[in-house]
Amino acid sequence: MEIERKYLVSHLPENLDLFEHLEIEQAYLCTSPTLRVRRMGDDYILTVKEHLVTSSSAIHNREEEFALTADKFQMLLAKCDSGRVSKTRYRIPLRRQTGDGSYLDLVAELDIFHGRHEGLVIVEVEFPNTEMANQFVPPHWFGEDVSSNPIYRNSYLASMP
């Protein structure tokens, strides 16, 4: 199960190029359930994702991923009716102090979109459980929480004219 929160970005963090990053291209075969093909660097992945409705403000998805060859990726990509999403993803470590003084390591996945979505910047954080997602205090560079807004889902962005 994937539990995440999604935010717009008020300003980019300092020294962004020092963080691990890679180029992503993805498209959708269908959106209910979500069937996505994705190229992440040199990896090719087919993802089946089902959005689960909960009372939490976090996004809950049941997700399964399957490795693809480059040829199979290209074959499936050609079958995608919707547009594509292209972005650079930066993986930025976050350290958050918990109530007992210990630290929990999280990763912010900062997506800078290209092409027809140029200028859009979104950051997602994945959590091990709903309680942690609900208690999360975002860093100062995070903007508005758009977790519950479907127009910021990549599947929606891919379908935009």
Protein backbone atom coordinates (compact mmCIF):
# COMPACT_ATOMS: atom_id res chain seq x y z
CA MET A 1 0.00 0.00 0.00
CA GLU A 2 1.22 3.46 -0.90
CA ILE A 3 0.41 6.28 1.56
CA GLU A 4 1.53 9.73 0.47
CA ARG A 5 0.89 13.45 0.66
CA LYS A 6 1.37 15.79 -2.27
CA TYR A 7 2.21 19.50 -2.22
CA LEU A 8 2.83 22.35 -4.59
CA VAL A 9 6.25 23.93 -4.05
CA SER A 10 6.56 27.50 -2.81
CA HIS A 11 10.27 27.67 -3.72
CA LEU A 12 12.93 25.18 -4.71
CA PRO A 13 15.28 23.95 -2.00
CA GLU A 14 18.88 25.15 -2.07
CA ASN A 15 21.57 23.14 -3.89
CA LEU A 16 18.99 21.12 -5.80
CA ASP A 17 21.56 19.67 -8.22
CA LEU A 18 23.39 18.00 -5.32
CA PHE A 19 20.48 15.57 -4.87
CA GLU A 20 19.96 12.31 -6.73
CA HIS A 21 17.71 12.86 -9.74
CA LEU A 22 16.54 11.15 -12.91
CA GLU A 23 14.35 11.73 -15.93
CA ILE A 24 10.88 10.17 -16.03
CA GLU A 25 8.50 9.66 -18.94
CA GLN A 26 5.12 8.07 -18.34
CA ALA A 27 1.74 7.51 -19.97
CA TYR A 28 -1.52 5.78 -19.10
CA LEU A 29 -3.29 2.84 -20.68
CA CYS A 30 -6.33 3.47 -18.46
CA THR A 31 -7.15 5.40 -15.28
CA SER A 32 -9.68 3.25 -13.38
CA PRO A 33 -7.80 1.31 -12.19
CA THR A 34 -4.67 3.15 -13.20
CA LEU A 35 -2.47 1.29 -15.64
CA ARG A 36 0.74 3.26 -16.18
CA VAL A 37 3.90 2.67 -18.18
CA ARG A 38 6.98 4.54 -17.00
CA ARG A 39 10.58 4.98 -17.97
CA MET A 40 12.72 6.03 -15.00
CA GLY A 41 16.27 6.48 -16.21
CA ASP A 42 17.12 3.04 -17.65
CA ASP A 43 14.27 1.20 -15.91
CA TYR A 44 10.92 0.42 -17.54
CA ILE A 45 7.90 -0.30 -15.34
CA LEU A 46 4.24 -1.22 -15.71
CA THR A 47 2.24 -0.07 -12.68
CA VAL A 48 -1.26 -1.10 -11.64
CA LYS A 49 -2.63 1.38 -9.12
CA GLU A 50 -6.02 1.53 -7.43
CA HIS A 51 -6.99 4.66 -5.50
CA LEU A 52 -8.52 3.80 -2.11
CA VAL A 53 -10.96 6.22 -0.49
CA THR A 54 -10.26 6.88 3.20
CA SER A 55 -11.08 9.56 5.76
CA SER A 56 -7.41 10.61 5.90
CA SER A 57 -6.07 13.64 4.04
CA ALA A 58 -3.29 11.41 2.70
CA ILE A 59 -3.53 9.57 -0.61
CA HIS A 60 -3.92 5.79 -0.24
CA ASN A 61 -3.24 3.54 -3.24
CA ARG A 62 -2.93 -0.17 -3.72
CA GLU A 63 0.01 -0.48 -6.11
CA GLU A 64 1.84 -3.25 -7.95
CA GLU A 65 4.82 -2.78 -10.26
CA PHE A 66 6.18 -5.07 -12.97
CA ALA A 67 9.51 -4.71 -14.77
CA LEU A 68 9.39 -4.29 -18.54
CA THR A 69 11.97 -4.51 -21.29
CA ALA A 70 12.59 -1.38 -23.36
CA ASP A 71 10.80 -3.03 -26.32
CA LYS A 72 7.71 -3.92 -24.28
CA PHE A 73 7.68 -0.39 -22.81
CA GLN A 74 7.70 1.13 -26.32
CA MET A 75 4.95 -1.27 -27.47
CA LEU A 76 2.69 -0.33 -24.52
CA LEU A 77 3.56 3.37 -24.80
CA ALA A 78 2.27 3.31 -28.38
CA LYS A 79 -1.09 2.00 -27.06
CA CYS A 80 -1.57 4.92 -24.66
CA ASP A 81 -4.37 7.18 -25.87
CA SER A 82 -3.68 9.97 -23.41
CA GLY A 83 -0.73 12.30 -23.51
CA ARG A 84 2.52 11.78 -21.72
CA VAL A 85 4.04 13.26 -18.60
CA SER A 86 7.71 14.17 -18.64
CA LYS A 87 9.56 15.33 -15.53
CA THR A 88 12.81 15.39 -13.61
CA ARG A 89 12.50 13.77 -10.17
CA TYR A 90 14.81 14.79 -7.33
CA ARG A 91 15.01 12.60 -4.21
CA ILE A 92 15.59 14.85 -1.20
CA PRO A 93 16.13 13.29 2.24
CA LEU A 94 13.99 14.76 5.02
CA ARG A 95 14.70 14.33 8.69
CA ARG A 96 11.82 14.95 11.08
CA GLN A 97 12.11 14.87 14.83
CA THR A 98 9.42 12.76 16.47
CA GLY A 99 7.80 13.43 19.84
CA ASP A 100 10.18 11.13 21.71
CA GLY A 101 13.26 12.90 20.31
CA SER A 102 14.14 10.22 17.78
CA TYR A 103 14.34 10.88 14.06
CA LEU A 104 12.45 9.39 11.21
CA ASP A 105 13.94 9.48 7.73
CA LEU A 106 11.58 10.36 4.91
CA VAL A 107 12.24 11.23 1.27
CA ALA A 108 10.68 14.11 -0.62
CA GLU A 109 10.26 13.31 -4.31
CA LEU A 110 10.36 16.67 -6.06
CA ASP A 111 9.01 16.58 -9.63
CA ILE A 112 9.82 19.40 -12.04
CA PHE A 113 7.57 18.93 -15.07
CA HIS A 114 8.57 19.54 -18.69
CA GLY A 115 6.80 20.01 -22.01
CA ARG A 116 3.17 21.07 -21.82
CA HIS A 117 3.35 21.04 -18.00
CA GLU A 118 6.43 23.30 -17.89
CA GLY A 119 6.44 25.40 -14.71
CA LEU A 120 4.55 22.86 -12.59
CA VAL A 121 6.53 21.67 -9.56
CA ILE A 122 5.07 19.11 -7.14
CA VAL A 123 6.60 17.31 -4.19
CA GLU A 124 5.35 14.01 -2.70
CA VAL A 125 6.29 12.27 0.52
CA GLU A 126 5.51 8.61 1.13
CA PHE A 127 4.79 7.35 4.66
CA PRO A 128 4.84 3.95 6.34
CA ASN A 129 1.40 4.54 7.90
CA THR A 130 -1.59 6.91 7.93
CA GLU A 131 -0.85 8.30 11.40
CA MET A 132 2.56 9.56 10.29
CA ALA A 133 1.07 11.03 7.12
CA ASN A 134 -1.54 12.93 9.16
CA GLN A 135 1.07 14.25 11.64
CA PHE A 136 3.56 15.34 8.99
CA VAL A 137 4.76 18.94 9.25
CA PRO A 138 6.14 19.94 5.84
CA PRO A 139 9.43 21.84 5.42
CA HIS A 140 9.28 25.58 4.75
CA TRP A 141 9.77 25.15 0.98
CA PHE A 142 6.59 23.08 0.60
CA GLY A 143 3.50 24.99 -0.50
CA GLU A 144 -0.21 24.13 -0.56
CA ASP A 145 -1.24 20.55 0.28
CA VAL A 146 -2.95 19.23 -2.87
CA SER A 147 -3.22 15.58 -1.79
CA SER A 148 -7.00 15.54 -2.17
CA ASN A 149 -7.09 17.56 -5.41
CA PRO A 150 -7.39 15.16 -8.38
CA ILE A 151 -6.12 17.72 -10.93
CA TYR A 152 -2.60 17.16 -9.56
CA ARG A 153 -2.64 13.41 -10.24
CA ASN A 154 -0.26 12.48 -13.01
CA SER A 155 -3.02 10.53 -14.76
CA TYR A 156 -5.10 13.72 -14.94
CA LEU A 157 -2.11 15.78 -16.11
CA ALA A 158 -1.49 13.27 -18.90
CA SER A 159 -5.08 13.67 -20.14
CA MET A 160 -4.97 17.49 -20.24
CA PRO A 161 -5.07 19.00 -23.74
